[in-house]
PDB file of all heavy atoms in Angstrom:
ATOM      1  N   VAL A   1      14.453  12.450  47.080  1.00  0.00           N
ATOM      2  CA  VAL A   1      15.394  11.754  47.984  1.00  0.00           C
ATOM      3  C   VAL A   1      16.688  11.301  47.274  1.00  0.00           C
ATOM      4  O   VAL A   1      17.739  11.431  47.614  1.00  0.00           O
ATOM      5  CB  VAL A   1      14.617  10.608  48.864  1.00  0.00           C
ATOM      6  CG1 VAL A   1      15.680   9.833  49.574  1.00  0.00           C
ATOM      7  CG2 VAL A   1      13.641  11.277  49.748  1.00  0.00           C
ATOM      8  N   GLU A   2      16.330  10.550  46.210  1.00  0.00           N
ATOM      9  CA  GLU A   2      17.384   9.940  45.506  1.00  0.00           C
ATOM     10  C   GLU A   2      18.326  11.043  44.929  1.00  0.00           C
ATOM     11  O   GLU A   2      19.620  11.006  44.994  1.00  0.00           O
ATOM     12  CB  GLU A   2      16.830   9.136  44.295  1.00  0.00           C
ATOM     13  CG  GLU A   2      17.832   8.283  43.589  1.00  0.00           C
ATOM     14  CD  GLU A   2      18.421   8.911  42.154  1.00  0.00           C
ATOM     15  OE1 GLU A   2      17.776  10.082  41.846  1.00  0.00           O
ATOM     16  OE2 GLU A   2      19.242   8.459  41.649  1.00  0.00           O
ATOM     17  N   HIS A   3      17.849  12.154  44.350  1.00  0.00           N
ATOM     18  CA  HIS A   3      18.698  13.207  43.808  1.00  0.00           C
ATOM     19  C   HIS A   3      19.523  13.845  44.902  1.00  0.00           C
ATOM     20  O   HIS A   3      20.612  14.051  44.775  1.00  0.00           O
ATOM     21  CB  HIS A   3      17.735  14.259  43.174  1.00  0.00           C
ATOM     22  CG  HIS A   3      18.574  15.412  42.568  1.00  0.00           C
ATOM     23  ND1 HIS A   3      18.729  16.496  43.207  1.00  0.00           N
ATOM     24  CD2 HIS A   3      19.155  15.458  41.387  1.00  0.00           C
ATOM     25  CE1 HIS A   3      19.359  17.317  42.465  1.00  0.00           C
ATOM     26  NE2 HIS A   3      19.687  16.773  41.279  1.00  0.00           N
ATOM     27  N   ASP A   4      18.964  14.073  46.115  1.00  0.00           N
ATOM     28  CA  ASP A   4      19.605  14.720  47.215  1.00  0.00           C
ATOM     29  C   ASP A   4      20.611  13.814  47.654  1.00  0.00           C
ATOM     30  O   ASP A   4      21.811  14.358  47.982  1.00  0.00           O
ATOM     31  CB  ASP A   4      18.630  15.086  48.310  1.00  0.00           C
ATOM     32  CG  ASP A   4      17.797  16.273  47.937  1.00  0.00           C
ATOM     33  OD1 ASP A   4      17.982  16.953  46.932  1.00  0.00           O
ATOM     34  OD2 ASP A   4      16.850  16.488  48.726  1.00  0.00           O
ATOM     35  N   LEU A   5      20.524  12.570  47.696  1.00  0.00           N
ATOM     36  CA  LEU A   5      21.622  11.675  48.306  1.00  0.00           C
ATOM     37  C   LEU A   5      22.692  11.388  47.319  1.00  0.00           C
ATOM     38  O   LEU A   5      23.795  11.416  47.553  1.00  0.00           O
ATOM     39  CB  LEU A   5      20.966  10.280  48.712  1.00  0.00           C
ATOM     40  CG  LEU A   5      20.008  10.440  49.925  1.00  0.00           C
ATOM     41  CD1 LEU A   5      19.418   8.994  50.225  1.00  0.00           C
ATOM     42  CD2 LEU A   5      20.958  10.892  51.160  1.00  0.00           C
ATOM     43  N   VAL A   6      22.238  11.302  45.932  1.00  0.00           N
ATOM     44  CA  VAL A   6      23.290  10.885  44.927  1.00  0.00           C
ATOM     45  C   VAL A   6      23.986  11.991  44.451  1.00  0.00           C
ATOM     46  O   VAL A   6      25.173  12.043  44.164  1.00  0.00           O
ATOM     47  CB  VAL A   6      22.564  10.029  43.729  1.00  0.00           C
ATOM     48  CG1 VAL A   6      23.446   9.796  42.614  1.00  0.00           C
ATOM     49  CG2 VAL A   6      22.053   8.710  44.388  1.00  0.00           C
ATOM     50  N   TYR A   7      23.220  13.121  44.124  1.00  0.00           N
ATOM     51  CA  TYR A   7      23.942  14.372  43.451  1.00  0.00           C
ATOM     52  C   TYR A   7      24.241  15.396  44.466  1.00  0.00           C
ATOM     53  O   TYR A   7      24.991  16.305  43.965  1.00  0.00           O
ATOM     54  CB  TYR A   7      22.964  14.771  42.418  1.00  0.00           C
ATOM     55  CG  TYR A   7      22.787  13.877  41.289  1.00  0.00           C
ATOM     56  CD1 TYR A   7      21.479  13.096  41.153  1.00  0.00           C
ATOM     57  CD2 TYR A   7      23.710  13.478  40.353  1.00  0.00           C
ATOM     58  CE1 TYR A   7      21.250  12.216  40.254  1.00  0.00           C
ATOM     59  CE2 TYR A   7      23.491  12.534  39.365  1.00  0.00           C
ATOM     60  CZ  TYR A   7      22.247  11.832  39.359  1.00  0.00           C
ATOM     61  OH  TYR A   7      22.097  11.050  38.389  1.00  0.00           O
ATOM     62  N   LYS A   8      23.871  15.341  45.690  1.00  0.00           N
ATOM     63  CA  LYS A   8      24.168  16.372  46.633  1.00  0.00           C
ATOM     64  C   LYS A   8      24.649  15.689  47.884  1.00  0.00           C
ATOM     65  O   LYS A   8      24.072  16.157  49.081  1.00  0.00           O
ATOM     66  CB  LYS A   8      23.031  17.243  46.875  1.00  0.00           C
ATOM     67  CG  LYS A   8      22.485  18.064  45.760  1.00  0.00           C
ATOM     68  CD  LYS A   8      21.297  18.873  46.076  1.00  0.00           C
ATOM     69  CE  LYS A   8      20.754  19.597  44.879  1.00  0.00           C
ATOM     70  NZ  LYS A   8      19.515  20.303  45.137  1.00  0.00           N
ATOM     71  N   PRO A   9      25.505  14.784  47.842  1.00  0.00           N
ATOM     72  CA  PRO A   9      25.940  14.082  49.132  1.00  0.00           C
ATOM     73  C   PRO A   9      26.636  15.097  50.073  1.00  0.00           C
ATOM     74  O   PRO A   9      27.514  15.813  49.759  1.00  0.00           O
ATOM     75  CB  PRO A   9      26.973  13.006  48.685  1.00  0.00           C
ATOM     76  CG  PRO A   9      27.407  13.465  47.446  1.00  0.00           C
ATOM     77  CD  PRO A   9      26.420  14.356  46.742  1.00  0.00           C
ATOM     78  N   THR A  10      26.172  15.108  51.239  1.00  0.00           N
ATOM     79  CA  THR A  10      26.676  16.051  52.310  1.00  0.00           C
ATOM     80  C   THR A  10      27.917  15.414  53.115  1.00  0.00           C
ATOM     81  O   THR A  10      28.606  16.145  53.630  1.00  0.00           O
ATOM     82  CB  THR A  10      25.648  16.442  53.408  1.00  0.00           C
ATOM     83  OG1 THR A  10      25.030  15.375  53.940  1.00  0.00           O
ATOM     84  CG2 THR A  10      24.455  17.294  52.582  1.00  0.00           C
ATOM     85  N   SER A  11      28.071  14.081  53.030  1.00  0.00           N
ATOM     86  CA  SER A  11      29.133  13.478  53.872  1.00  0.00           C
ATOM     87  C   SER A  11      29.684  12.370  52.994  1.00  0.00           C
ATOM     88  O   SER A  11      30.014  11.221  53.396  1.00  0.00           O
ATOM     89  CB  SER A  11      28.619  12.982  55.074  1.00  0.00           C
ATOM     90  OG  SER A  11      27.474  12.001  54.860  1.00  0.00           O
ATOM     91  N   GLY A  12      30.140  12.659  51.759  1.00  0.00           N
ATOM     92  CA  GLY A  12      30.861  11.708  50.888  1.00  0.00           C
ATOM     93  C   GLY A  12      29.982  10.808  50.033  1.00  0.00           C
ATOM     94  O   GLY A  12      28.795  11.126  49.878  1.00  0.00           O
ATOM     95  N   LYS A  13      30.672  10.032  49.221  1.00  0.00           N
ATOM     96  CA  LYS A  13      30.048   9.140  48.174  1.00  0.00           C
ATOM     97  C   LYS A  13      29.297   8.149  48.968  1.00  0.00           C
ATOM     98  O   LYS A  13      29.658   7.506  49.946  1.00  0.00           O
ATOM     99  CB  LYS A  13      31.070   8.524  47.357  1.00  0.00           C
ATOM    100  CG  LYS A  13      30.479   7.646  46.163  1.00  0.00           C
ATOM    101  CD  LYS A  13      31.667   7.287  45.309  1.00  0.00           C
ATOM    102  CE  LYS A  13      31.430   6.357  44.287  1.00  0.00           C
ATOM    103  NZ  LYS A  13      30.177   6.445  43.535  1.00  0.00           N
ATOM    104  N   LEU A  14      27.998   7.713  48.368  1.00  0.00           N
ATOM    105  CA  LEU A  14      27.286   6.743  48.994  1.00  0.00           C
ATOM    106  C   LEU A  14      27.804   5.417  48.888  1.00  0.00           C
ATOM    107  O   LEU A  14      28.500   5.105  47.945  1.00  0.00           O
ATOM    108  CB  LEU A  14      25.786   6.727  48.300  1.00  0.00           C
ATOM    109  CG  LEU A  14      24.988   7.978  48.398  1.00  0.00           C
ATOM    110  CD1 LEU A  14      23.578   7.780  47.638  1.00  0.00           C
ATOM    111  CD2 LEU A  14      24.719   8.341  49.733  1.00  0.00           C
ATOM    112  N   SER A  15      27.513   4.551  49.891  1.00  0.00           N
ATOM    113  CA  SER A  15      28.043   3.167  49.934  1.00  0.00           C
ATOM    114  C   SER A  15      27.065   2.375  48.887  1.00  0.00           C
ATOM    115  O   SER A  15      26.120   2.667  48.612  1.00  0.00           O
ATOM    116  CB  SER A  15      27.984   2.616  51.368  1.00  0.00           C
ATOM    117  OG  SER A  15      26.602   2.464  51.791  1.00  0.00           O
ATOM    118  N   GLU A  16      27.596   1.075  48.825  1.00  0.00           N
ATOM    119  CA  GLU A  16      26.737   0.092  47.950  1.00  0.00           C
ATOM    120  C   GLU A  16      25.543  -0.167  48.721  1.00  0.00           C
ATOM    121  O   GLU A  16      24.490  -0.299  48.058  1.00  0.00           O
ATOM    122  CB  GLU A  16      27.712  -1.269  47.749  1.00  0.00           C
ATOM    123  CG  GLU A  16      28.680  -1.015  46.670  1.00  0.00           C
ATOM    124  CD  GLU A  16      29.358  -2.394  46.400  1.00  0.00           C
ATOM    125  OE1 GLU A  16      28.602  -3.564  46.427  1.00  0.00           O
ATOM    126  OE2 GLU A  16      30.563  -2.422  46.210  1.00  0.00           O
ATOM    127  N   ASP A  17      25.517  -0.295  50.007  1.00  0.00           N
ATOM    128  CA  ASP A  17      24.362  -0.565  50.820  1.00  0.00           C
ATOM    129  C   ASP A  17      23.338   0.563  50.566  1.00  0.00           C
ATOM    130  O   ASP A  17      22.133   0.396  50.411  1.00  0.00           O
ATOM    131  CB  ASP A  17      24.770  -0.810  52.242  1.00  0.00           C
ATOM    132  CG  ASP A  17      23.534  -1.318  53.021  1.00  0.00           C
ATOM    133  OD1 ASP A  17      22.895  -2.274  52.521  1.00  0.00           O
ATOM    134  OD2 ASP A  17      23.502  -0.975  54.231  1.00  0.00           O
ATOM    135  N   GLU A  18      23.754   1.779  50.664  1.00  0.00           N
ATOM    136  CA  GLU A  18      22.893   2.916  50.438  1.00  0.00           C
ATOM    137  C   GLU A  18      22.279   2.973  49.037  1.00  0.00           C
ATOM    138  O   GLU A  18      21.104   3.183  48.831  1.00  0.00           O
ATOM    139  CB  GLU A  18      23.550   4.208  50.688  1.00  0.00           C
ATOM    140  CG  GLU A  18      23.931   4.439  52.086  1.00  0.00           C
ATOM    141  CD  GLU A  18      24.897   5.649  52.357  1.00  0.00           C
ATOM    142  OE1 GLU A  18      25.861   5.618  51.668  1.00  0.00           O
ATOM    143  OE2 GLU A  18      24.592   6.453  53.294  1.00  0.00           O
ATOM    144  N   TYR A  19      23.133   2.636  47.958  1.00  0.00           N
ATOM    145  CA  TYR A  19      22.534   2.500  46.620  1.00  0.00           C
ATOM    146  C   TYR A  19      21.494   1.309  46.557  1.00  0.00           C
ATOM    147  O   TYR A  19      20.561   1.374  45.966  1.00  0.00           O
ATOM    148  CB  TYR A  19      23.558   2.174  45.714  1.00  0.00           C
ATOM    149  CG  TYR A  19      24.359   3.488  45.160  1.00  0.00           C
ATOM    150  CD1 TYR A  19      25.638   3.684  45.503  1.00  0.00           C
ATOM    151  CD2 TYR A  19      23.617   4.467  44.513  1.00  0.00           C
ATOM    152  CE1 TYR A  19      26.290   4.869  45.120  1.00  0.00           C
ATOM    153  CE2 TYR A  19      24.283   5.616  44.039  1.00  0.00           C
ATOM    154  CZ  TYR A  19      25.700   5.825  44.301  1.00  0.00           C
ATOM    155  OH  TYR A  19      26.197   6.978  43.905  1.00  0.00           O
ATOM    156  N   ALA A  20      21.875   0.184  47.298  1.00  0.00           N
ATOM    157  CA  ALA A  20      20.822  -0.915  47.241  1.00  0.00           C
ATOM    158  C   ALA A  20      19.578  -0.479  47.970  1.00  0.00           C
ATOM    159  O   ALA A  20      18.499  -0.942  47.495  1.00  0.00           O
ATOM    160  CB  ALA A  20      21.552  -2.116  48.055  1.00  0.00           C
ATOM    161  N   ILE A  21      19.671   0.162  48.978  1.00  0.00           N
ATOM    162  CA  ILE A  21      18.407   0.736  49.637  1.00  0.00           C
ATOM    163  C   ILE A  21      17.629   1.552  48.845  1.00  0.00           C
ATOM    164  O   ILE A  21      16.433   1.533  48.773  1.00  0.00           O
ATOM    165  CB  ILE A  21      18.744   1.431  51.124  1.00  0.00           C
ATOM    166  CG1 ILE A  21      19.378   0.424  52.073  1.00  0.00           C
ATOM    167  CG2 ILE A  21      17.636   2.071  51.597  1.00  0.00           C
ATOM    168  CD1 ILE A  21      19.979   1.058  53.291  1.00  0.00           C
ATOM    169  N   LEU A  22      18.291   2.525  48.161  1.00  0.00           N
ATOM    170  CA  LEU A  22      17.578   3.441  47.157  1.00  0.00           C
ATOM    171  C   LEU A  22      16.867   2.618  46.007  1.00  0.00           C
ATOM    172  O   LEU A  22      15.718   2.754  45.740  1.00  0.00           O
ATOM    173  CB  LEU A  22      18.533   4.361  46.461  1.00  0.00           C
ATOM    174  CG  LEU A  22      19.041   5.542  47.286  1.00  0.00           C
ATOM    175  CD1 LEU A  22      20.114   6.215  46.529  1.00  0.00           C
ATOM    176  CD2 LEU A  22      17.872   6.437  47.579  1.00  0.00           C
ATOM    177  N   ASP A  23      17.580   1.389  45.710  1.00  0.00           N
ATOM    178  CA  ASP A  23      16.867   0.533  44.687  1.00  0.00           C
ATOM    179  C   ASP A  23      15.755  -0.039  45.284  1.00  0.00           C
ATOM    180  O   ASP A  23      14.631  -0.238  44.746  1.00  0.00           O
ATOM    181  CB  ASP A  23      17.849  -0.557  44.112  1.00  0.00           C
ATOM    182  CG  ASP A  23      18.834   0.080  43.196  1.00  0.00           C
ATOM    183  OD1 ASP A  23      18.629   1.197  42.533  1.00  0.00           O
ATOM    184  OD2 ASP A  23      19.863  -0.627  42.956  1.00  0.00           O
ATOM    185  N   GLU A  24      15.803  -0.607  46.516  1.00  0.00           N
ATOM    186  CA  GLU A  24      14.620  -1.208  47.246  1.00  0.00           C
ATOM    187  C   GLU A  24      13.470  -0.150  47.313  1.00  0.00           C
ATOM    188  O   GLU A  24      12.339  -0.484  47.071  1.00  0.00           O
ATOM    189  CB  GLU A  24      15.070  -1.628  48.610  1.00  0.00           C
ATOM    190  CG  GLU A  24      15.973  -2.926  48.619  1.00  0.00           C
ATOM    191  CD  GLU A  24      16.475  -3.073  49.955  1.00  0.00           C
ATOM    192  OE1 GLU A  24      16.121  -2.501  51.025  1.00  0.00           O
ATOM    193  OE2 GLU A  24      17.380  -3.908  50.106  1.00  0.00           O
ATOM    194  N   LEU A  25      13.762   1.036  47.768  1.00  0.00           N
ATOM    195  CA  LEU A  25      12.845   2.024  47.863  1.00  0.00           C
ATOM    196  C   LEU A  25      12.196   2.396  46.472  1.00  0.00           C
ATOM    197  O   LEU A  25      10.923   2.447  46.415  1.00  0.00           O
ATOM    198  CB  LEU A  25      13.341   3.348  48.423  1.00  0.00           C
ATOM    199  CG  LEU A  25      13.728   3.398  49.849  1.00  0.00           C
ATOM    200  CD1 LEU A  25      14.457   4.625  50.381  1.00  0.00           C
ATOM    201  CD2 LEU A  25      12.400   3.117  50.690  1.00  0.00           C
ATOM    202  N   ASN A  26      12.886   2.376  45.466  1.00  0.00           N
ATOM    203  CA  ASN A  26      12.254   2.642  44.228  1.00  0.00           C
ATOM    204  C   ASN A  26      11.393   1.507  43.813  1.00  0.00           C
ATOM    205  O   ASN A  26      10.311   1.737  43.273  1.00  0.00           O
ATOM    206  CB  ASN A  26      13.430   2.624  43.103  1.00  0.00           C
ATOM    207  CG  ASN A  26      12.969   2.928  41.753  1.00  0.00           C
ATOM    208  OD1 ASN A  26      11.972   3.818  41.617  1.00  0.00           O
ATOM    209  ND2 ASN A  26      13.641   2.435  40.609  1.00  0.00           N
ATOM    210  N   GLY A  27      11.685   0.293  44.089  1.00  0.00           N
ATOM    211  CA  GLY A  27      10.834  -0.894  43.881  1.00  0.00           C
ATOM    212  C   GLY A  27       9.587  -0.794  44.630  1.00  0.00           C
ATOM    213  O   GLY A  27       8.448  -1.189  44.176  1.00  0.00           O
ATOM    214  N   LEU A  28       9.642  -0.376  45.956  1.00  0.00           N
ATOM    215  CA  LEU A  28       8.414  -0.220  46.747  1.00  0.00           C
ATOM    216  C   LEU A  28       7.631   0.966  46.161  1.00  0.00           C
ATOM    217  O   LEU A  28       6.362   0.827  46.188  1.00  0.00           O
ATOM    218  CB  LEU A  28       8.877   0.134  48.246  1.00  0.00           C
ATOM    219  CG  LEU A  28       9.561  -1.008  48.960  1.00  0.00           C
ATOM    220  CD1 LEU A  28      10.033  -0.373  50.167  1.00  0.00           C
ATOM    221  CD2 LEU A  28       8.483  -2.070  49.201  1.00  0.00           C
TER     222      LEU A  28
END
């Protein structure tokens, strides 16, 4: 999921909130 969102964004660069959510998911 992280790779697809960060390295293959289909609709632009991720927002800070999206990066924060990825970090939260990583923690979970």
